[in-house]
Amino acid sequence: NLGPSEQLLEEVQTGKIGWSEFSRRYREELFESGTIDKRSETIKNHGQNFTLRLLQALGRQGTVTLTCHCAEDQARCHRHLLRTILEGKI
């Protein structure tokens, strides 16, 4: 639900954009209005704002684990950006 749009993911994976551009645009996607990300044909990100608020509330009560298909030690993964957002650091 909180992953990047297919378009944005493809652009960073193919090298069309760099990590800083990906980071900026991913944060924008998370907070844009509307319930469906129209740039994704197969993955629809319904309720991103609700999910963000829920994870923030759960994180105040205990540990929240974020998973992704990326390797755990991969430095450039959206879950690292998401963590800083949930912690209120950006």
C-alpha atoms as a PDB file:
ATOM      1  CA  ASN A   1       0.000   0.000   0.000  1.00  0.00           C
ATOM      2  CA  LEU A   2       2.873   2.401   0.649  1.00  0.00           C
ATOM      3  CA  GLY A   3       5.141   1.407  -2.204  1.00  0.00           C
ATOM      4  CA  PRO A   4       6.079   3.767  -5.030  1.00  0.00           C
ATOM      5  CA  SER A   5       4.015   3.875  -8.204  1.00  0.00           C
ATOM      6  CA  GLU A   6       5.005   1.464 -10.941  1.00  0.00           C
ATOM      7  CA  GLN A   7       6.128   4.392 -13.089  1.00  0.00           C
ATOM      8  CA  LEU A   8       8.397   5.829 -10.406  1.00  0.00           C
ATOM      9  CA  LEU A   9       9.848   2.434  -9.527  1.00  0.00           C
ATOM     10  CA  GLU A  10      10.620   1.698 -13.169  1.00  0.00           C
ATOM     11  CA  GLU A  11      12.301   5.085 -13.634  1.00  0.00           C
ATOM     12  CA  VAL A  12      14.696   4.567 -10.719  1.00  0.00           C
ATOM     13  CA  GLN A  13      15.389   0.914 -11.566  1.00  0.00           C
ATOM     14  CA  THR A  14      16.295   1.742 -15.167  1.00  0.00           C
ATOM     15  CA  GLY A  15      18.468   4.697 -14.162  1.00  0.00           C
ATOM     16  CA  LYS A  16      16.218   7.288 -15.782  1.00  0.00           C
ATOM     17  CA  ILE A  17      16.198   9.175 -12.466  1.00  0.00           C
ATOM     18  CA  GLY A  18      18.599   9.174  -9.532  1.00  0.00           C
ATOM     19  CA  TRP A  19      17.991   8.364  -5.876  1.00  0.00           C
ATOM     20  CA  SER A  20      17.454  11.980  -4.791  1.00  0.00           C
ATOM     21  CA  GLU A  21      14.802  12.506  -7.480  1.00  0.00           C
ATOM     22  CA  PHE A  22      13.181   9.183  -6.548  1.00  0.00           C
ATOM     23  CA  SER A  23      13.166  10.184  -2.859  1.00  0.00           C
ATOM     24  CA  ARG A  24      11.532  13.531  -3.574  1.00  0.00           C
ATOM     25  CA  ARG A  25       8.883  12.097  -5.863  1.00  0.00           C
ATOM     26  CA  TYR A  26       8.143   9.129  -3.577  1.00  0.00           C
ATOM     27  CA  ARG A  27       7.422  11.493  -0.686  1.00  0.00           C
ATOM     28  CA  GLU A  28       5.147  13.526  -2.981  1.00  0.00           C
ATOM     29  CA  GLU A  29       3.283  10.364  -4.003  1.00  0.00           C
ATOM     30  CA  LEU A  30       2.691   9.370  -0.398  1.00  0.00           C
ATOM     31  CA  PHE A  31       0.968  12.636   0.413  1.00  0.00           C
ATOM     32  CA  GLU A  32      -0.879  13.402  -2.830  1.00  0.00           C
ATOM     33  CA  SER A  33      -4.637  13.593  -2.650  1.00  0.00           C
ATOM     34  CA  GLY A  34      -6.898  10.959  -4.131  1.00  0.00           C
ATOM     35  CA  THR A  35      -7.244   7.298  -3.284  1.00  0.00           C
ATOM     36  CA  ILE A  36      -5.894   5.679  -6.437  1.00  0.00           C
ATOM     37  CA  ASP A  37      -2.481   6.209  -7.967  1.00  0.00           C
ATOM     38  CA  LYS A  38      -3.354   6.497 -11.653  1.00  0.00           C
ATOM     39  CA  ARG A  39       0.266   5.944 -12.747  1.00  0.00           C
ATOM     40  CA  SER A  40       0.064   2.282 -11.724  1.00  0.00           C
ATOM     41  CA  GLU A  41      -1.825  -0.067 -14.013  1.00  0.00           C
ATOM     42  CA  THR A  42      -1.780  -3.107 -11.737  1.00  0.00           C
ATOM     43  CA  ILE A  43      -0.965  -1.839  -8.238  1.00  0.00           C
ATOM     44  CA  LYS A  44      -3.518   0.511  -6.737  1.00  0.00           C
ATOM     45  CA  ASN A  45      -2.456   2.336  -3.587  1.00  0.00           C
ATOM     46  CA  HIS A  46      -5.774   2.830  -1.816  1.00  0.00           C
ATOM     47  CA  GLY A  47      -5.780   4.607   1.529  1.00  0.00           C
ATOM     48  CA  GLN A  48      -2.149   5.734   1.738  1.00  0.00           C
ATOM     49  CA  ASN A  49      -2.896   8.588   4.136  1.00  0.00           C
ATOM     50  CA  PHE A  50      -4.875   6.267   6.414  1.00  0.00           C
ATOM     51  CA  THR A  51      -2.095   3.682   6.359  1.00  0.00           C
ATOM     52  CA  LEU A  52       0.555   6.292   7.161  1.00  0.00           C
ATOM     53  CA  ARG A  53      -1.440   7.560  10.159  1.00  0.00           C
ATOM     54  CA  LEU A  54      -2.107   4.002  11.348  1.00  0.00           C
ATOM     55  CA  LEU A  55       1.566   3.016  11.180  1.00  0.00           C
ATOM     56  CA  GLN A  56       2.581   6.212  12.975  1.00  0.00           C
ATOM     57  CA  ALA A  57       0.114   5.445  15.774  1.00  0.00           C
ATOM     58  CA  LEU A  58       1.252   1.826  16.015  1.00  0.00           C
ATOM     59  CA  GLY A  59       4.882   2.958  16.041  1.00  0.00           C
ATOM     60  CA  ARG A  60       4.212   5.126  19.088  1.00  0.00           C
ATOM     61  CA  GLN A  61       3.025   1.996  20.917  1.00  0.00           C
ATOM     62  CA  GLY A  62       5.720  -0.428  19.805  1.00  0.00           C
ATOM     63  CA  THR A  63       7.869  -1.733  16.990  1.00  0.00           C
ATOM     64  CA  VAL A  64       6.578  -1.704  13.416  1.00  0.00           C
ATOM     65  CA  THR A  65       8.276  -3.907  10.824  1.00  0.00           C
ATOM     66  CA  LEU A  66       8.428  -2.744   7.206  1.00  0.00           C
ATOM     67  CA  THR A  67       9.085  -5.322   4.497  1.00  0.00           C
ATOM     68  CA  CYS A  68       9.849  -5.150   0.808  1.00  0.00           C
ATOM     69  CA  HIS A  69      11.092  -7.422  -1.965  1.00  0.00           C
ATOM     70  CA  CYS A  70      14.458  -5.608  -1.845  1.00  0.00           C
ATOM     71  CA  ALA A  71      17.334  -7.201   0.031  1.00  0.00           C
ATOM     72  CA  GLU A  72      17.335  -6.276   3.718  1.00  0.00           C
ATOM     73  CA  ASP A  73      20.738  -4.627   3.466  1.00  0.00           C
ATOM     74  CA  GLN A  74      19.908  -2.681   0.302  1.00  0.00           C
ATOM     75  CA  ALA A  75      20.583   0.957   1.155  1.00  0.00           C
ATOM     76  CA  ARG A  76      18.371   2.451  -1.548  1.00  0.00           C
ATOM     77  CA  CYS A  77      14.891   1.116  -0.892  1.00  0.00           C
ATOM     78  CA  HIS A  78      11.669   3.046  -0.347  1.00  0.00           C
ATOM     79  CA  ARG A  79      11.187   1.409   3.055  1.00  0.00           C
ATOM     80  CA  HIS A  80      14.140   3.425   4.413  1.00  0.00           C
ATOM     81  CA  LEU A  81      12.462   6.637   3.239  1.00  0.00           C
ATOM     82  CA  LEU A  82       9.165   5.457   4.676  1.00  0.00           C
ATOM     83  CA  ARG A  83      10.822   4.820   8.030  1.00  0.00           C
ATOM     84  CA  THR A  84      12.084   8.406   8.254  1.00  0.00           C
ATOM     85  CA  ILE A  85       8.624   9.697   7.335  1.00  0.00           C
ATOM     86  CA  LEU A  86       6.953   7.526   9.968  1.00  0.00           C
ATOM     87  CA  GLU A  87       9.478   8.657  12.578  1.00  0.00           C
ATOM     88  CA  GLY A  88       8.673  12.274  11.676  1.00  0.00           C
ATOM     89  CA  LYS A  89      12.249  13.028  10.623  1.00  0.00           C
ATOM     90  CA  ILE A  90      11.213  14.470   7.239  1.00  0.00           C
END
